[in-house]
Amino acid sequence: MFAVVRCPRCGFARIISYGTKHARCYRCNMVYTTNPKTAYSRIIFHSESIGKCRAFIKKLPMQPVLKQASMLEYSESHGQN
């Protein structure tokens, strides 16, 4: 069984094995809890078929591209946009 989870920091969606307790975001490198038995579960969809999970991710709105925090701090401190 597979699950689609969304990163709480950047919103990146990925597929994991259902029942996995932690996942790492490929975009921002954050490790977050995905345990379906907790109140803070990040699971937004689950299915027996990985194809259905892929189709669900394709239907999600585009995920924004985020600048790295270090680049934002540098540009703000040096007056760049």
C-alpha atoms as a PDB file:
ATOM      1  CA  MET A   1       0.000   0.000   0.000  1.00  0.00           C
ATOM      2  CA  PHE A   2       1.249   3.489  -0.873  1.00  0.00           C
ATOM      3  CA  ALA A   3       0.549   6.999   0.444  1.00  0.00           C
ATOM      4  CA  VAL A   4       1.011  10.534  -0.863  1.00  0.00           C
ATOM      5  CA  VAL A   5       2.430  12.939   1.717  1.00  0.00           C
ATOM      6  CA  ARG A   6       3.021  16.687   1.603  1.00  0.00           C
ATOM      7  CA  CYS A   7       5.961  18.464   3.231  1.00  0.00           C
ATOM      8  CA  PRO A   8       4.776  20.906   5.926  1.00  0.00           C
ATOM      9  CA  ARG A   9       7.556  23.388   5.098  1.00  0.00           C
ATOM     10  CA  CYS A  10       7.511  23.700   1.296  1.00  0.00           C
ATOM     11  CA  GLY A  11       4.440  21.691   0.207  1.00  0.00           C
ATOM     12  CA  PHE A  12       6.320  19.182  -1.972  1.00  0.00           C
ATOM     13  CA  ALA A  13       4.278  15.986  -2.493  1.00  0.00           C
ATOM     14  CA  ARG A  14       5.846  12.538  -2.732  1.00  0.00           C
ATOM     15  CA  ILE A  15       4.898   8.857  -2.554  1.00  0.00           C
ATOM     16  CA  ILE A  16       5.927   6.671   0.381  1.00  0.00           C
ATOM     17  CA  SER A  17       5.055   3.197   1.635  1.00  0.00           C
ATOM     18  CA  TYR A  18       1.950   3.385   3.814  1.00  0.00           C
ATOM     19  CA  GLY A  19       2.853   3.005   7.476  1.00  0.00           C
ATOM     20  CA  THR A  20       6.238   4.760   7.209  1.00  0.00           C
ATOM     21  CA  LYS A  21       6.682   6.974  10.259  1.00  0.00           C
ATOM     22  CA  HIS A  22       9.097   9.555   8.829  1.00  0.00           C
ATOM     23  CA  ALA A  23       9.903  10.966   5.399  1.00  0.00           C
ATOM     24  CA  ARG A  24      12.502  13.368   4.023  1.00  0.00           C
ATOM     25  CA  CYS A  25      11.509  16.101   1.598  1.00  0.00           C
ATOM     26  CA  TYR A  26      13.504  16.012  -1.639  1.00  0.00           C
ATOM     27  CA  ARG A  27      13.130  19.765  -2.101  1.00  0.00           C
ATOM     28  CA  CYS A  28      13.940  21.329   1.293  1.00  0.00           C
ATOM     29  CA  ASN A  29      15.540  18.303   3.037  1.00  0.00           C
ATOM     30  CA  MET A  30      13.190  18.462   6.048  1.00  0.00           C
ATOM     31  CA  VAL A  31      12.422  15.239   7.932  1.00  0.00           C
ATOM     32  CA  TYR A  32       8.784  15.092   9.058  1.00  0.00           C
ATOM     33  CA  THR A  33       6.350  12.664  10.692  1.00  0.00           C
ATOM     34  CA  THR A  34       4.016  10.706   8.421  1.00  0.00           C
ATOM     35  CA  ASN A  35       2.689   8.134  10.888  1.00  0.00           C
ATOM     36  CA  PRO A  36      -1.014   7.635  10.031  1.00  0.00           C
ATOM     37  CA  LYS A  37      -1.836   7.000  13.701  1.00  0.00           C
ATOM     38  CA  THR A  38      -0.809  10.478  14.897  1.00  0.00           C
ATOM     39  CA  ALA A  39      -2.719  13.736  14.784  1.00  0.00           C
ATOM     40  CA  TYR A  40       0.082  15.351  12.732  1.00  0.00           C
ATOM     41  CA  SER A  41      -0.034  12.875   9.854  1.00  0.00           C
ATOM     42  CA  ARG A  42       0.918  14.466   6.508  1.00  0.00           C
ATOM     43  CA  ILE A  43      -0.867  11.790   4.444  1.00  0.00           C
ATOM     44  CA  ILE A  44      -3.221  13.375   1.918  1.00  0.00           C
ATOM     45  CA  PHE A  45      -4.064  10.240  -0.124  1.00  0.00           C
ATOM     46  CA  HIS A  46      -3.457   6.473   0.033  1.00  0.00           C
ATOM     47  CA  SER A  47      -4.092   3.562  -2.311  1.00  0.00           C
ATOM     48  CA  GLU A  48      -3.049   0.001  -3.097  1.00  0.00           C
ATOM     49  CA  SER A  49      -1.885   1.143  -6.543  1.00  0.00           C
ATOM     50  CA  ILE A  50       1.172   3.327  -7.083  1.00  0.00           C
ATOM     51  CA  GLY A  51      -0.373   4.423 -10.388  1.00  0.00           C
ATOM     52  CA  LYS A  52      -3.336   5.951  -8.579  1.00  0.00           C
ATOM     53  CA  CYS A  53      -0.932   7.810  -6.271  1.00  0.00           C
ATOM     54  CA  ARG A  54       0.976   9.176  -9.276  1.00  0.00           C
ATOM     55  CA  ALA A  55      -2.295  10.281 -10.894  1.00  0.00           C
ATOM     56  CA  PHE A  56      -3.296  12.039  -7.663  1.00  0.00           C
ATOM     57  CA  ILE A  57       0.001  13.955  -7.574  1.00  0.00           C
ATOM     58  CA  LYS A  58      -0.479  15.039 -11.211  1.00  0.00           C
ATOM     59  CA  LYS A  59      -3.897  16.489 -10.275  1.00  0.00           C
ATOM     60  CA  LEU A  60      -2.437  18.607  -7.462  1.00  0.00           C
ATOM     61  CA  PRO A  61      -1.828  22.300  -8.210  1.00  0.00           C
ATOM     62  CA  MET A  62       1.721  23.216  -9.188  1.00  0.00           C
ATOM     63  CA  GLN A  63       4.039  23.519  -6.224  1.00  0.00           C
ATOM     64  CA  PRO A  64       5.824  26.894  -5.973  1.00  0.00           C
ATOM     65  CA  VAL A  65       9.596  27.024  -6.310  1.00  0.00           C
ATOM     66  CA  LEU A  66      11.103  28.469  -3.156  1.00  0.00           C
ATOM     67  CA  LYS A  67      14.335  30.407  -2.799  1.00  0.00           C
ATOM     68  CA  GLN A  68      16.785  29.144  -0.231  1.00  0.00           C
ATOM     69  CA  ALA A  69      16.687  31.064   3.049  1.00  0.00           C
ATOM     70  CA  SER A  70      20.408  31.884   2.880  1.00  0.00           C
ATOM     71  CA  MET A  71      19.951  33.579  -0.514  1.00  0.00           C
ATOM     72  CA  LEU A  72      16.965  35.578   0.779  1.00  0.00           C
ATOM     73  CA  GLU A  73      18.919  36.819   3.794  1.00  0.00           C
ATOM     74  CA  TYR A  74      21.872  37.798   1.560  1.00  0.00           C
ATOM     75  CA  SER A  75      19.716  39.662  -0.956  1.00  0.00           C
ATOM     76  CA  GLU A  76      17.778  41.509   1.772  1.00  0.00           C
ATOM     77  CA  SER A  77      20.928  42.549   3.631  1.00  0.00           C
ATOM     78  CA  HIS A  78      22.576  43.771   0.392  1.00  0.00           C
ATOM     79  CA  GLY A  79      19.522  45.571  -0.982  1.00  0.00           C
ATOM     80  CA  GLN A  80      18.931  43.154  -3.873  1.00  0.00           C
ATOM     81  CA  ASN A  81      15.543  41.783  -4.924  1.00  0.00           C
END
